[in-house]
């Protein structure tokens, strides 16, 4: 099973704030973003689980993430079961473990 694809990402924080973006998983790397933040990271797959670390960086507009005012970059750990079409994952901010999120990734396109 491969996760190498273009995925849409819907996320919700434990405070109830929501957002959406896209992410490309390719060769152990993650690239993506939304209207105000971009994401880069690394992933690995073992025992039908995906584990990733992602840096989230503000680049445009108001620096409001699903965790509130975030003008500085922050890192997430993300993990959960691998799936071919939809993955439901969980994420935690590495600088503040009281801030966590649920992510729903939907495969939108295979990579060329």
N, C-alpha and C. Protein backbone atom coordinates (compact mmCIF):
# COMPACT_ATOMS: atom_id res chain seq x y z
N UNK A 1 0.85 -1.18 0.00
CA UNK A 1 0.00 0.00 0.00
C UNK A 1 0.90 1.24 0.00
N UNK A 2 0.60 2.17 -0.88
CA UNK A 2 1.41 3.39 -0.95
C UNK A 2 0.56 4.62 -0.63
N UNK A 3 1.19 5.59 -0.01
CA UNK A 3 0.51 6.85 0.26
C UNK A 3 1.00 7.94 -0.68
N UNK A 4 1.91 7.57 -1.60
CA UNK A 4 2.46 8.56 -2.53
C UNK A 4 1.36 9.04 -3.46
N UNK A 5 0.91 10.29 -3.22
CA UNK A 5 -0.21 10.86 -3.97
C UNK A 5 -0.41 12.31 -3.54
N UNK A 6 -1.35 12.96 -4.21
CA UNK A 6 -1.84 14.27 -3.80
C UNK A 6 -3.08 14.05 -2.95
N UNK A 7 -3.08 14.61 -1.75
CA UNK A 7 -4.17 14.44 -0.79
C UNK A 7 -4.77 15.80 -0.44
N UNK A 8 -6.09 15.86 -0.30
CA UNK A 8 -6.69 17.02 0.35
C UNK A 8 -6.68 16.71 1.85
N UNK A 9 -6.57 17.77 2.66
CA UNK A 9 -6.46 17.60 4.11
C UNK A 9 -7.49 18.50 4.78
N UNK A 10 -8.33 17.90 5.60
CA UNK A 10 -9.26 18.66 6.45
C UNK A 10 -8.79 18.43 7.88
N UNK A 11 -8.71 19.52 8.66
CA UNK A 11 -8.23 19.36 10.02
C UNK A 11 -9.08 20.15 10.99
N UNK A 12 -9.10 19.65 12.22
CA UNK A 12 -9.84 20.31 13.30
C UNK A 12 -9.00 20.21 14.58
N UNK A 13 -8.89 21.34 15.28
CA UNK A 13 -8.11 21.35 16.53
C UNK A 13 -8.98 20.90 17.69
N UNK A 14 -8.35 20.60 18.82
CA UNK A 14 -9.11 20.24 20.01
C UNK A 14 -9.91 21.42 20.54
N UNK A 15 -9.65 22.64 20.06
CA UNK A 15 -10.45 23.82 20.42
C UNK A 15 -11.65 23.98 19.49
N UNK A 16 -11.75 23.13 18.45
CA UNK A 16 -12.89 23.18 17.54
C UNK A 16 -12.66 24.01 16.29
N UNK A 17 -11.49 24.62 16.12
CA UNK A 17 -11.20 25.40 14.91
C UNK A 17 -10.88 24.44 13.76
N UNK A 18 -11.30 24.82 12.54
CA UNK A 18 -11.14 23.94 11.38
C UNK A 18 -10.36 24.63 10.27
N UNK A 19 -9.82 23.82 9.38
CA UNK A 19 -9.09 24.31 8.22
C UNK A 19 -9.00 23.23 7.17
N UNK A 20 -8.43 23.60 6.02
CA UNK A 20 -8.26 22.65 4.93
C UNK A 20 -7.08 23.06 4.07
N UNK A 21 -6.46 22.09 3.43
CA UNK A 21 -5.33 22.35 2.55
C UNK A 21 -5.07 21.14 1.69
N UNK A 22 -3.87 21.07 1.13
CA UNK A 22 -3.45 19.93 0.32
C UNK A 22 -2.06 19.50 0.77
N UNK A 23 -1.75 18.23 0.51
CA UNK A 23 -0.42 17.71 0.82
C UNK A 23 -0.04 16.66 -0.21
N UNK A 24 1.23 16.69 -0.60
CA UNK A 24 1.79 15.68 -1.48
C UNK A 24 2.72 14.82 -0.64
N UNK A 25 2.51 13.52 -0.69
CA UNK A 25 3.39 12.55 -0.05
C UNK A 25 4.21 11.90 -1.17
N UNK A 26 5.54 12.06 -1.09
CA UNK A 26 6.38 11.50 -2.14
C UNK A 26 7.76 11.15 -1.60
N UNK A 27 8.15 9.90 -1.78
CA UNK A 27 9.49 9.43 -1.41
C UNK A 27 9.90 9.82 0.01
N UNK A 28 8.99 9.67 0.96
CA UNK A 28 9.30 9.98 2.35
C UNK A 28 9.18 11.45 2.72
N UNK A 29 8.81 12.29 1.75
CA UNK A 29 8.68 13.73 1.99
C UNK A 29 7.22 14.17 1.89
N UNK A 30 6.89 15.23 2.61
CA UNK A 30 5.55 15.84 2.56
C UNK A 30 5.72 17.30 2.17
N UNK A 31 4.93 17.74 1.19
CA UNK A 31 4.90 19.14 0.75
C UNK A 31 3.43 19.54 0.66
N UNK A 32 3.08 20.72 1.16
CA UNK A 32 1.69 21.13 1.06
C UNK A 32 1.47 22.52 1.57
N UNK A 33 0.19 22.85 1.73
CA UNK A 33 -0.15 24.15 2.25
C UNK A 33 -1.62 24.47 2.14
N UNK A 34 -1.93 25.68 2.60
CA UNK A 34 -3.28 26.24 2.49
C UNK A 34 -3.11 27.71 2.15
N UNK A 35 -4.11 28.53 2.38
CA UNK A 35 -4.07 29.93 1.98
C UNK A 35 -3.12 30.82 2.77
N UNK A 36 -2.66 30.36 3.93
CA UNK A 36 -1.78 31.20 4.76
C UNK A 36 -0.54 30.49 5.29
N UNK A 37 -0.51 29.17 5.24
CA UNK A 37 0.62 28.40 5.74
C UNK A 37 1.07 27.38 4.71
N UNK A 38 2.38 27.08 4.69
CA UNK A 38 2.84 25.93 3.92
C UNK A 38 3.41 24.90 4.88
N UNK A 39 3.45 23.63 4.42
CA UNK A 39 3.89 22.52 5.25
C UNK A 39 4.99 21.75 4.53
N UNK A 40 6.02 21.38 5.27
CA UNK A 40 7.05 20.48 4.76
C UNK A 40 7.36 19.48 5.84
N UNK A 41 7.69 18.26 5.44
CA UNK A 41 7.99 17.27 6.45
C UNK A 41 8.48 15.96 5.88
N UNK A 42 8.57 14.99 6.76
CA UNK A 42 9.02 13.64 6.44
C UNK A 42 8.02 12.65 6.99
N UNK A 43 7.88 11.52 6.29
CA UNK A 43 7.01 10.46 6.78
C UNK A 43 7.69 9.11 6.58
N UNK A 44 7.21 8.14 7.36
CA UNK A 44 7.61 6.75 7.18
C UNK A 44 6.40 5.87 7.43
N UNK A 45 6.44 4.70 6.85
CA UNK A 45 5.34 3.75 7.02
C UNK A 45 5.92 2.46 7.58
N UNK A 46 5.30 1.97 8.65
CA UNK A 46 5.69 0.70 9.26
C UNK A 46 4.46 0.08 9.90
N UNK A 47 4.29 -1.21 9.70
CA UNK A 47 3.17 -1.94 10.32
C UNK A 47 1.82 -1.29 10.02
N UNK A 48 1.62 -0.88 8.76
CA UNK A 48 0.36 -0.27 8.31
C UNK A 48 0.03 1.04 9.03
N UNK A 49 1.05 1.70 9.57
CA UNK A 49 0.90 2.99 10.23
C UNK A 49 1.78 4.01 9.52
N UNK A 50 1.29 5.23 9.40
CA UNK A 50 2.12 6.33 8.90
C UNK A 50 2.48 7.20 10.09
N UNK A 51 3.74 7.59 10.17
CA UNK A 51 4.22 8.51 11.18
C UNK A 51 4.96 9.63 10.47
N UNK A 52 4.67 10.87 10.84
CA UNK A 52 5.26 12.02 10.15
C UNK A 52 5.61 13.12 11.13
N UNK A 53 6.56 13.94 10.72
CA UNK A 53 6.84 15.20 11.38
C UNK A 53 6.69 16.28 10.32
N UNK A 54 6.00 17.35 10.66
CA UNK A 54 5.68 18.41 9.70
C UNK A 54 5.97 19.77 10.32
N UNK A 55 6.66 20.61 9.58
CA UNK A 55 6.87 22.01 9.98
C UNK A 55 5.80 22.84 9.28
N UNK A 56 5.13 23.71 10.02
CA UNK A 56 4.08 24.59 9.51
C UNK A 56 4.61 26.02 9.59
N UNK A 57 4.62 26.72 8.42
CA UNK A 57 5.23 28.04 8.34
C UNK A 57 4.23 29.03 7.73
N UNK A 58 4.04 30.16 8.39
CA UNK A 58 3.17 31.22 7.88
C UNK A 58 3.86 31.92 6.72
N UNK A 59 3.10 32.21 5.63
CA UNK A 59 3.69 32.93 4.50
C UNK A 59 2.85 34.08 3.97
N UNK A 60 1.55 34.17 4.29
CA UNK A 60 0.70 35.23 3.74
C UNK A 60 -0.51 35.47 4.63
N UNK A 61 -1.05 36.69 4.58
CA UNK A 61 -2.28 37.00 5.29
C UNK A 61 -2.10 37.00 6.80
N UNK A 62 -3.23 36.95 7.49
CA UNK A 62 -3.21 36.92 8.95
C UNK A 62 -2.65 35.58 9.44
N UNK A 63 -1.76 35.61 10.41
CA UNK A 63 -1.16 34.37 10.90
C UNK A 63 -2.07 33.65 11.91
N UNK A 64 -3.22 33.19 11.42
CA UNK A 64 -4.18 32.50 12.28
C UNK A 64 -4.28 31.05 11.84
N UNK A 65 -3.74 30.17 12.64
CA UNK A 65 -3.85 28.74 12.38
C UNK A 65 -5.03 28.19 13.17
N UNK A 66 -5.26 26.89 13.08
CA UNK A 66 -6.34 26.30 13.88
C UNK A 66 -6.02 26.30 15.37
N UNK A 67 -4.79 26.69 15.71
CA UNK A 67 -4.39 26.80 17.11
C UNK A 67 -4.37 28.24 17.60
N UNK A 68 -4.79 29.19 16.76
CA UNK A 68 -4.79 30.59 17.15
C UNK A 68 -3.74 31.39 16.41
N UNK A 69 -3.29 32.47 17.02
CA UNK A 69 -2.30 33.38 16.42
C UNK A 69 -0.94 32.67 16.39
N UNK A 70 -0.44 32.38 15.18
CA UNK A 70 0.81 31.62 15.02
C UNK A 70 1.70 32.25 13.96
N UNK A 71 2.36 33.37 14.26
CA UNK A 71 3.25 33.97 13.26
C UNK A 71 4.58 33.22 13.11
N UNK A 72 4.97 32.45 14.13
CA UNK A 72 6.23 31.70 14.08
C UNK A 72 5.97 30.26 13.63
N UNK A 73 6.94 29.66 12.94
CA UNK A 73 6.79 28.25 12.54
C UNK A 73 6.59 27.35 13.76
N UNK A 74 5.88 26.25 13.55
CA UNK A 74 5.74 25.24 14.58
C UNK A 74 5.76 23.86 13.95
N UNK A 75 6.08 22.87 14.77
CA UNK A 75 6.21 21.49 14.30
C UNK A 75 5.09 20.63 14.86
N UNK A 76 4.68 19.64 14.05
CA UNK A 76 3.66 18.68 14.44
C UNK A 76 4.22 17.27 14.30
N UNK A 77 3.76 16.38 15.14
CA UNK A 77 3.91 14.95 14.89
C UNK A 77 2.52 14.45 14.50
N UNK A 78 2.47 13.61 13.48
CA UNK A 78 1.20 13.13 12.94
C UNK A 78 1.31 11.63 12.75
N UNK A 79 0.24 10.91 13.04
CA UNK A 79 0.28 9.47 12.83
C UNK A 79 -1.09 8.85 12.81
N UNK A 80 -1.13 7.62 12.29
CA UNK A 80 -2.36 6.86 12.25
C UNK A 80 -2.30 5.77 11.20
N UNK A 81 -3.40 5.06 11.02
CA UNK A 81 -3.43 3.94 10.08
C UNK A 81 -3.39 4.39 8.62
N UNK A 82 -2.64 3.64 7.81
CA UNK A 82 -2.53 3.91 6.37
C UNK A 82 -3.77 3.37 5.67
N UNK A 83 -4.21 4.10 4.64
CA UNK A 83 -5.33 3.68 3.80
C UNK A 83 -5.08 4.12 2.37
N UNK A 84 -5.68 3.42 1.42
CA UNK A 84 -5.52 3.78 0.01
C UNK A 84 -6.30 5.01 -0.41
N UNK A 85 -7.40 5.32 0.25
CA UNK A 85 -8.25 6.42 -0.23
C UNK A 85 -8.53 7.51 0.80
N UNK A 86 -8.71 7.16 2.07
CA UNK A 86 -8.97 8.13 3.13
C UNK A 86 -8.18 7.72 4.36
N UNK A 87 -7.43 8.66 4.92
CA UNK A 87 -6.70 8.39 6.16
C UNK A 87 -7.18 9.34 7.25
N UNK A 88 -7.52 8.79 8.40
CA UNK A 88 -7.87 9.58 9.57
C UNK A 88 -6.70 9.52 10.53
N UNK A 89 -6.03 10.67 10.69
CA UNK A 89 -4.80 10.74 11.47
C UNK A 89 -4.97 11.69 12.65
N UNK A 90 -4.02 11.65 13.56
CA UNK A 90 -4.01 12.55 14.72
C UNK A 90 -2.68 13.29 14.74
N UNK A 91 -2.72 14.55 15.15
CA UNK A 91 -1.51 15.35 15.23
C UNK A 91 -1.39 16.06 16.56
N UNK A 92 -0.14 16.30 16.98
CA UNK A 92 0.15 17.00 18.23
C UNK A 92 1.23 18.04 17.96
N UNK A 93 1.05 19.24 18.49
CA UNK A 93 2.10 20.26 18.40
C UNK A 93 3.26 19.84 19.29
N UNK A 94 4.45 19.90 18.74
CA UNK A 94 5.62 19.47 19.50
C UNK A 94 6.01 20.47 20.58
N UNK A 95 5.65 21.75 20.41
CA UNK A 95 6.00 22.76 21.40
C UNK A 95 4.93 22.93 22.48
N UNK A 96 3.77 22.30 22.29
CA UNK A 96 2.69 22.42 23.27
C UNK A 96 1.74 21.23 23.09
N UNK A 97 1.99 20.15 23.81
CA UNK A 97 1.23 18.91 23.62
C UNK A 97 -0.24 19.04 24.03
N UNK A 98 -0.63 20.16 24.63
CA UNK A 98 -2.04 20.38 24.94
C UNK A 98 -2.82 20.77 23.68
N UNK A 99 -2.09 21.10 22.60
CA UNK A 99 -2.72 21.46 21.32
C UNK A 99 -2.60 20.28 20.37
N UNK A 100 -3.75 19.71 20.04
CA UNK A 100 -3.73 18.58 19.12
C UNK A 100 -4.85 18.71 18.11
N UNK A 101 -4.83 17.83 17.11
CA UNK A 101 -5.75 17.96 15.98
C UNK A 101 -6.08 16.60 15.40
N UNK A 102 -7.22 16.54 14.73
CA UNK A 102 -7.57 15.41 13.90
C UNK A 102 -7.43 15.82 12.45
N UNK A 103 -6.98 14.90 11.61
CA UNK A 103 -6.80 15.18 10.19
C UNK A 103 -7.51 14.10 9.37
N UNK A 104 -8.20 14.52 8.34
CA UNK A 104 -8.82 13.59 7.40
C UNK A 104 -8.20 13.86 6.04
N UNK A 105 -7.42 12.92 5.55
CA UNK A 105 -6.77 13.04 4.25
C UNK A 105 -7.53 12.21 3.23
N UNK A 106 -7.85 12.82 2.09
CA UNK A 106 -8.55 12.13 1.01
C UNK A 106 -7.67 12.14 -0.23
N UNK A 107 -7.39 10.97 -0.77
CA UNK A 107 -6.55 10.89 -1.96
C UNK A 107 -7.29 11.51 -3.15
N UNK A 108 -6.62 12.47 -3.81
CA UNK A 108 -7.22 13.18 -4.94
C UNK A 108 -6.60 12.83 -6.28
N UNK A 109 -5.30 12.49 -6.29
CA UNK A 109 -4.65 12.17 -7.57
C UNK A 109 -3.39 11.37 -7.32
N UNK A 110 -3.14 10.43 -8.22
CA UNK A 110 -1.87 9.71 -8.22
C UNK A 110 -0.78 10.65 -8.71
N UNK A 111 0.45 10.42 -8.31
CA UNK A 111 1.56 11.23 -8.78
C UNK A 111 2.01 10.73 -10.16
N UNK A 112 2.49 11.63 -10.99
CA UNK A 112 2.94 11.20 -12.33
C UNK A 112 4.17 10.33 -12.25
